[in-house]
Amino acid sequence: MLRTILVILLILMLLGVLPIWPHSVSWGYWPGGLVGTLLVIVIILLLLR
């Protein structure tokens, strides 16, 4: 249950920091890349269990 919530939260964070939204245009790509990397790591850890 907690894993599912964590994955959903990371997906929502990834959508929030993408530079297509007006509030995040000046941030560049690094926040999206960081959250995307965390999401990939969490998914890999979930698949290995």
PDB file of N, CA and C in Angstrom:
ATOM      1  N   MET A   1       0.824  -1.195   0.000  1.00  0.00           N
ATOM      2  CA  MET A   1       0.000   0.000   0.000  1.00  0.00           C
ATOM      3  C   MET A   1       0.867   1.257   0.000  1.00  0.00           C
ATOM      4  N   LEU A   2       1.866   1.283   0.853  1.00  0.00           N
ATOM      5  CA  LEU A   2       2.747   2.443   0.954  1.00  0.00           C
ATOM      6  C   LEU A   2       3.564   2.626  -0.321  1.00  0.00           C
ATOM      7  N   ARG A   3       3.942   1.513  -0.944  1.00  0.00           N
ATOM      8  CA  ARG A   3       4.714   1.594  -2.191  1.00  0.00           C
ATOM      9  C   ARG A   3       3.892   2.229  -3.298  1.00  0.00           C
ATOM     10  N   THR A   4       2.632   1.864  -3.380  1.00  0.00           N
ATOM     11  CA  THR A   4       1.758   2.421  -4.398  1.00  0.00           C
ATOM     12  C   THR A   4       1.588   3.927  -4.199  1.00  0.00           C
ATOM     13  N   ILE A   5       1.415   4.334  -2.969  1.00  0.00           N
ATOM     14  CA  ILE A   5       1.282   5.760  -2.661  1.00  0.00           C
ATOM     15  C   ILE A   5       2.563   6.495  -3.027  1.00  0.00           C
ATOM     16  N   LEU A   6       3.718   5.897  -2.748  1.00  0.00           N
ATOM     17  CA  LEU A   6       5.003   6.517  -3.075  1.00  0.00           C
ATOM     18  C   LEU A   6       5.171   6.690  -4.582  1.00  0.00           C
ATOM     19  N   VAL A   7       4.816   5.685  -5.356  1.00  0.00           N
ATOM     20  CA  VAL A   7       4.927   5.775  -6.816  1.00  0.00           C
ATOM     21  C   VAL A   7       3.972   6.838  -7.353  1.00  0.00           C
ATOM     22  N   ILE A   8       2.746   6.882  -6.870  1.00  0.00           N
ATOM     23  CA  ILE A   8       1.782   7.881  -7.322  1.00  0.00           C
ATOM     24  C   ILE A   8       2.253   9.281  -6.953  1.00  0.00           C
ATOM     25  N   LEU A   9       2.791   9.443  -5.763  1.00  0.00           N
ATOM     26  CA  LEU A   9       3.308  10.737  -5.335  1.00  0.00           C
ATOM     27  C   LEU A   9       4.474  11.189  -6.214  1.00  0.00           C
ATOM     28  N   LEU A  10       5.380  10.283  -6.547  1.00  0.00           N
ATOM     29  CA  LEU A  10       6.502  10.639  -7.406  1.00  0.00           C
ATOM     30  C   LEU A  10       6.044  10.989  -8.822  1.00  0.00           C
ATOM     31  N   ILE A  11       5.038  10.299  -9.324  1.00  0.00           N
ATOM     32  CA  ILE A  11       4.504  10.628 -10.655  1.00  0.00           C
ATOM     33  C   ILE A  11       3.871  12.017 -10.650  1.00  0.00           C
ATOM     34  N   LEU A  12       3.126  12.328  -9.602  1.00  0.00           N
ATOM     35  CA  LEU A  12       2.528  13.655  -9.501  1.00  0.00           C
ATOM     36  C   LEU A  12       3.589  14.742  -9.361  1.00  0.00           C
ATOM     37  N   MET A  13       4.655  14.454  -8.607  1.00  0.00           N
ATOM     38  CA  MET A  13       5.751  15.409  -8.487  1.00  0.00           C
ATOM     39  C   MET A  13       6.431  15.611  -9.834  1.00  0.00           C
ATOM     40  N   LEU A  14       6.602  14.534 -10.593  1.00  0.00           N
ATOM     41  CA  LEU A  14       7.229  14.634 -11.905  1.00  0.00           C
ATOM     42  C   LEU A  14       6.386  15.509 -12.833  1.00  0.00           C
ATOM     43  N   LEU A  15       5.081  15.352 -12.787  1.00  0.00           N
ATOM     44  CA  LEU A  15       4.204  16.183 -13.617  1.00  0.00           C
ATOM     45  C   LEU A  15       4.237  17.643 -13.165  1.00  0.00           C
ATOM     46  N   GLY A  16       4.416  17.872 -11.882  1.00  0.00           N
ATOM     47  CA  GLY A  16       4.436  19.241 -11.358  1.00  0.00           C
ATOM     48  C   GLY A  16       5.703  20.007 -11.683  1.00  0.00           C
ATOM     49  N   VAL A  17       6.821  19.314 -11.851  1.00  0.00           N
ATOM     50  CA  VAL A  17       8.084  20.020 -12.098  1.00  0.00           C
ATOM     51  C   VAL A  17       8.489  20.037 -13.560  1.00  0.00           C
ATOM     52  N   LEU A  18       7.682  19.465 -14.443  1.00  0.00           N
ATOM     53  CA  LEU A  18       8.007  19.546 -15.864  1.00  0.00           C
ATOM     54  C   LEU A  18       7.969  21.006 -16.316  1.00  0.00           C
ATOM     55  N   PRO A  19       8.888  21.403 -17.174  1.00  0.00           N
ATOM     56  CA  PRO A  19       8.961  22.826 -17.551  1.00  0.00           C
ATOM     57  C   PRO A  19       7.883  23.275 -18.534  1.00  0.00           C
ATOM     58  N   ILE A  20       6.758  22.591 -18.590  1.00  0.00           N
ATOM     59  CA  ILE A  20       5.666  23.029 -19.461  1.00  0.00           C
ATOM     60  C   ILE A  20       4.669  23.893 -18.700  1.00  0.00           C
ATOM     61  N   TRP A  21       4.760  23.907 -17.377  1.00  0.00           N
ATOM     62  CA  TRP A  21       3.846  24.690 -16.561  1.00  0.00           C
ATOM     63  C   TRP A  21       4.420  26.091 -16.364  1.00  0.00           C
ATOM     64  N   PRO A  22       3.576  27.110 -16.269  1.00  0.00           N
ATOM     65  CA  PRO A  22       4.077  28.489 -16.128  1.00  0.00           C
ATOM     66  C   PRO A  22       4.952  28.710 -14.893  1.00  0.00           C
ATOM     67  N   HIS A  23       4.671  28.019 -13.799  1.00  0.00           N
ATOM     68  CA  HIS A  23       5.447  28.259 -12.581  1.00  0.00           C
ATOM     69  C   HIS A  23       6.827  27.616 -12.627  1.00  0.00           C
ATOM     70  N   SER A  24       7.065  26.686 -13.562  1.00  0.00           N
ATOM     71  CA  SER A  24       8.340  25.970 -13.563  1.00  0.00           C
ATOM     72  C   SER A  24       9.154  26.185 -14.830  1.00  0.00           C
ATOM     73  N   VAL A  25       8.797  27.154 -15.652  1.00  0.00           N
ATOM     74  CA  VAL A  25       9.525  27.377 -16.902  1.00  0.00           C
ATOM     75  C   VAL A  25      10.964  27.801 -16.631  1.00  0.00           C
ATOM     76  N   SER A  26      11.190  28.635 -15.645  1.00  0.00           N
ATOM     77  CA  SER A  26      12.538  29.145 -15.381  1.00  0.00           C
ATOM     78  C   SER A  26      13.425  28.134 -14.655  1.00  0.00           C
ATOM     79  N   TRP A  27      12.885  27.033 -14.185  1.00  0.00           N
ATOM     80  CA  TRP A  27      13.671  26.051 -13.455  1.00  0.00           C
ATOM     81  C   TRP A  27      14.576  25.226 -14.359  1.00  0.00           C
ATOM     82  N   GLY A  28      14.199  25.058 -15.605  1.00  0.00           N
ATOM     83  CA  GLY A  28      14.964  24.198 -16.497  1.00  0.00           C
ATOM     84  C   GLY A  28      14.532  22.746 -16.332  1.00  0.00           C
ATOM     85  N   TYR A  29      15.416  21.848 -16.769  1.00  0.00           N
ATOM     86  CA  TYR A  29      15.060  20.422 -16.764  1.00  0.00           C
ATOM     87  C   TYR A  29      15.563  19.661 -15.544  1.00  0.00           C
ATOM     88  N   TRP A  30      16.422  20.245 -14.721  1.00  0.00           N
ATOM     89  CA  TRP A  30      17.025  19.457 -13.651  1.00  0.00           C
ATOM     90  C   TRP A  30      16.026  18.968 -12.599  1.00  0.00           C
ATOM     91  N   PRO A  31      14.994  19.719 -12.190  1.00  0.00           N
ATOM     92  CA  PRO A  31      14.049  19.136 -11.212  1.00  0.00           C
ATOM     93  C   PRO A  31      13.297  17.934 -11.775  1.00  0.00           C
ATOM     94  N   GLY A  32      12.894  18.028 -13.034  1.00  0.00           N
ATOM     95  CA  GLY A  32      12.183  16.911 -13.661  1.00  0.00           C
ATOM     96  C   GLY A  32      13.077  15.695 -13.810  1.00  0.00           C
ATOM     97  N   GLY A  33      14.333  15.943 -14.137  1.00  0.00           N
ATOM     98  CA  GLY A  33      15.291  14.846 -14.254  1.00  0.00           C
ATOM     99  C   GLY A  33      15.547  14.180 -12.917  1.00  0.00           C
ATOM    100  N   LEU A  34      15.625  14.980 -11.875  1.00  0.00           N
ATOM    101  CA  LEU A  34      15.861  14.434 -10.532  1.00  0.00           C
ATOM    102  C   LEU A  34      14.681  13.587 -10.073  1.00  0.00           C
ATOM    103  N   VAL A  35      13.476  14.098 -10.232  1.00  0.00           N
ATOM    104  CA  VAL A  35      12.293  13.345  -9.815  1.00  0.00           C
ATOM    105  C   VAL A  35      12.106  12.119 -10.700  1.00  0.00           C
ATOM    106  N   GLY A  36      12.396  12.248 -11.994  1.00  0.00           N
ATOM    107  CA  GLY A  36      12.307  11.099 -12.896  1.00  0.00           C
ATOM    108  C   GLY A  36      13.289  10.002 -12.521  1.00  0.00           C
ATOM    109  N   THR A  37      14.508  10.414 -12.138  1.00  0.00           N
ATOM    110  CA  THR A  37      15.502   9.432 -11.697  1.00  0.00           C
ATOM    111  C   THR A  37      15.052   8.725 -10.424  1.00  0.00           C
ATOM    112  N   LEU A  38      14.506   9.484  -9.487  1.00  0.00           N
ATOM    113  CA  LEU A  38      13.989   8.868  -8.257  1.00  0.00           C
ATOM    114  C   LEU A  38      12.848   7.903  -8.567  1.00  0.00           C
ATOM    115  N   LEU A  39      11.991   8.271  -9.499  1.00  0.00           N
ATOM    116  CA  LEU A  39      10.884   7.397  -9.878  1.00  0.00           C
ATOM    117  C   LEU A  39      11.387   6.101 -10.490  1.00  0.00           C
ATOM    118  N   VAL A  40      12.384   6.183 -11.356  1.00  0.00           N
ATOM    119  CA  VAL A  40      12.951   4.980 -11.968  1.00  0.00           C
ATOM    120  C   VAL A  40      13.596   4.092 -10.910  1.00  0.00           C
ATOM    121  N   ILE A  41      14.320   4.680  -9.968  1.00  0.00           N
ATOM    122  CA  ILE A  41      14.957   3.901  -8.899  1.00  0.00           C
ATOM    123  C   ILE A  41      13.907   3.183  -8.057  1.00  0.00           C
ATOM    124  N   VAL A  42      12.834   3.892  -7.704  1.00  0.00           N
ATOM    125  CA  VAL A  42      11.779   3.284  -6.885  1.00  0.00           C
ATOM    126  C   VAL A  42      11.098   2.148  -7.646  1.00  0.00           C
ATOM    127  N   ILE A  43      10.831   2.350  -8.927  1.00  0.00           N
ATOM    128  CA  ILE A  43      10.196   1.288  -9.720  1.00  0.00           C
ATOM    129  C   ILE A  43      11.100   0.074  -9.834  1.00  0.00           C
ATOM    130  N   ILE A  44      12.404   0.282 -10.047  1.00  0.00           N
ATOM    131  CA  ILE A  44      13.338  -0.836 -10.112  1.00  0.00           C
ATOM    132  C   ILE A  44      13.394  -1.594  -8.785  1.00  0.00           C
ATOM    133  N   LEU A  45      13.407  -0.851  -7.676  1.00  0.00           N
ATOM    134  CA  LEU A  45      13.419  -1.501  -6.368  1.00  0.00           C
ATOM    135  C   LEU A  45      12.128  -2.291  -6.128  1.00  0.00           C
ATOM    136  N   LEU A  46      11.006  -1.755  -6.601  1.00  0.00           N
ATOM    137  CA  LEU A  46       9.743  -2.486  -6.437  1.00  0.00           C
ATOM    138  C   LEU A  46       9.728  -3.760  -7.279  1.00  0.00           C
ATOM    139  N   LEU A  47      10.315  -3.696  -8.466  1.00  0.00           N
ATOM    140  CA  LEU A  47      10.325  -4.876  -9.327  1.00  0.00           C
ATOM    141  C   LEU A  47      11.302  -5.945  -8.834  1.00  0.00           C
ATOM    142  N   LEU A  48      12.347  -5.549  -8.144  1.00  0.00           N
ATOM    143  CA  LEU A  48      13.325  -6.508  -7.641  1.00  0.00           C
ATOM    144  C   LEU A  48      12.835  -7.224  -6.379  1.00  0.00           C
ATOM    145  N   ARG A  49      11.853  -6.691  -5.710  1.00  0.00           N
ATOM    146  CA  ARG A  49      11.337  -7.339  -4.497  1.00  0.00           C
ATOM    147  C   ARG A  49      10.410  -8.396  -4.826  1.00  0.00           C
TER     148      ARG A  49
END
